[in-house]
């Protein structure tokens, strides 16, 4: 049976992992969106779909570059949880 402190520790690790996995994708996507918005404001081209493709490409590149590390982190966390269950 897990104690309250162990459950709290697992939840904290889960939230940290979620931030580590989603953070880079969200931050870089936001930066690309801001840059595209500045370009749109400067050129006065206000097309809603213009920001979609660059964000999609950047997110795809990030996942290709960092996807294996993200998967490894999720696998390590899952192994840790299963080891805790087996005790």
Protein backbone atom coordinates (compact mmCIF):
# COMPACT_ATOMS: atom_id res chain seq x y z
CA UNK A 1 0.00 0.00 0.00
CA UNK A 2 1.36 3.39 -0.98
CA UNK A 3 1.59 6.13 1.58
CA UNK A 4 0.30 9.64 1.05
CA UNK A 5 3.82 10.99 0.61
CA UNK A 6 4.60 8.41 -2.09
CA UNK A 7 1.41 9.29 -3.97
CA UNK A 8 2.24 12.98 -3.69
CA UNK A 9 5.75 12.31 -4.98
CA UNK A 10 4.41 10.35 -7.97
CA UNK A 11 1.93 13.11 -8.81
CA UNK A 12 4.70 15.72 -8.60
CA UNK A 13 6.89 13.63 -10.93
CA UNK A 14 3.94 13.26 -13.32
CA UNK A 15 3.36 17.02 -13.50
CA UNK A 16 7.08 17.70 -13.98
CA UNK A 17 7.20 15.13 -16.78
CA UNK A 18 4.14 16.68 -18.45
CA UNK A 19 5.79 20.12 -18.37
CA UNK A 20 9.06 18.71 -19.71
CA UNK A 21 7.29 16.96 -22.58
CA UNK A 22 4.82 19.67 -23.57
CA UNK A 23 6.85 22.75 -22.66
CA UNK A 24 9.28 22.94 -25.58
CA UNK A 25 6.57 22.28 -28.16
CA UNK A 26 4.21 24.87 -26.68
CA UNK A 27 6.84 27.55 -26.15
CA UNK A 28 8.35 27.28 -29.62
CA UNK A 29 4.89 27.13 -31.19
CA UNK A 30 3.96 30.29 -29.31
CA UNK A 31 7.15 32.04 -30.45
CA UNK A 32 6.47 31.11 -34.08
CA UNK A 33 2.91 32.40 -33.71
CA UNK A 34 4.13 35.72 -32.32
CA UNK A 35 6.69 36.12 -35.12
CA UNK A 36 4.07 35.36 -37.77
CA UNK A 37 1.67 37.82 -36.11
CA UNK A 38 4.31 40.55 -36.19
CA UNK A 39 4.95 39.84 -39.87
CA UNK A 40 1.21 39.92 -40.56
CA UNK A 41 0.87 43.24 -38.74
CA UNK A 42 3.79 44.73 -40.67
CA UNK A 43 2.51 43.58 -44.06
CA UNK A 44 -1.19 44.03 -43.21
CA UNK A 45 -1.97 40.52 -44.42
CA UNK A 46 -4.52 39.22 -41.92
CA UNK A 47 -5.09 35.68 -43.09
CA UNK A 48 -6.01 33.30 -40.25
CA UNK A 49 -4.63 30.21 -41.95
CA UNK A 50 -1.19 31.74 -42.54
CA UNK A 51 0.00 30.87 -39.02
CA UNK A 52 -1.15 27.25 -39.20
CA UNK A 53 1.40 25.80 -41.62
CA UNK A 54 4.57 27.28 -40.02
CA UNK A 55 3.43 26.11 -36.58
CA UNK A 56 2.65 22.65 -37.93
CA UNK A 57 6.06 22.39 -39.60
CA UNK A 58 7.91 23.61 -36.49
CA UNK A 59 6.02 21.22 -34.21
CA UNK A 60 6.78 18.35 -36.60
CA UNK A 61 10.49 19.22 -36.62
CA UNK A 62 10.57 19.45 -32.82
CA UNK A 63 8.91 16.04 -32.50
CA UNK A 64 11.31 14.48 -35.01
CA UNK A 65 14.33 15.92 -33.20
CA UNK A 66 13.16 15.43 -29.61
CA UNK A 67 10.64 12.59 -29.99
CA UNK A 68 12.98 9.80 -28.96
CA UNK A 69 13.95 11.64 -25.77
CA UNK A 70 10.30 12.28 -24.99
CA UNK A 71 9.46 8.60 -25.50
CA UNK A 72 12.38 7.53 -23.33
CA UNK A 73 11.23 9.81 -20.51
CA UNK A 74 7.70 8.38 -20.69
CA UNK A 75 9.06 4.83 -20.73
CA UNK A 76 11.24 5.49 -17.68
CA UNK A 77 8.30 6.96 -15.79
CA UNK A 78 6.08 4.02 -16.75
CA UNK A 79 8.72 1.51 -15.63
CA UNK A 80 9.01 3.36 -12.33
CA UNK A 81 5.24 3.18 -11.81
CA UNK A 82 5.12 -0.55 -12.63
CA UNK A 83 8.00 -1.20 -10.24
CA UNK A 84 6.08 0.61 -7.52
CA UNK A 85 3.01 -1.52 -8.26
CA UNK A 86 5.05 -4.73 -8.10
CA UNK A 87 6.29 -3.98 -4.57
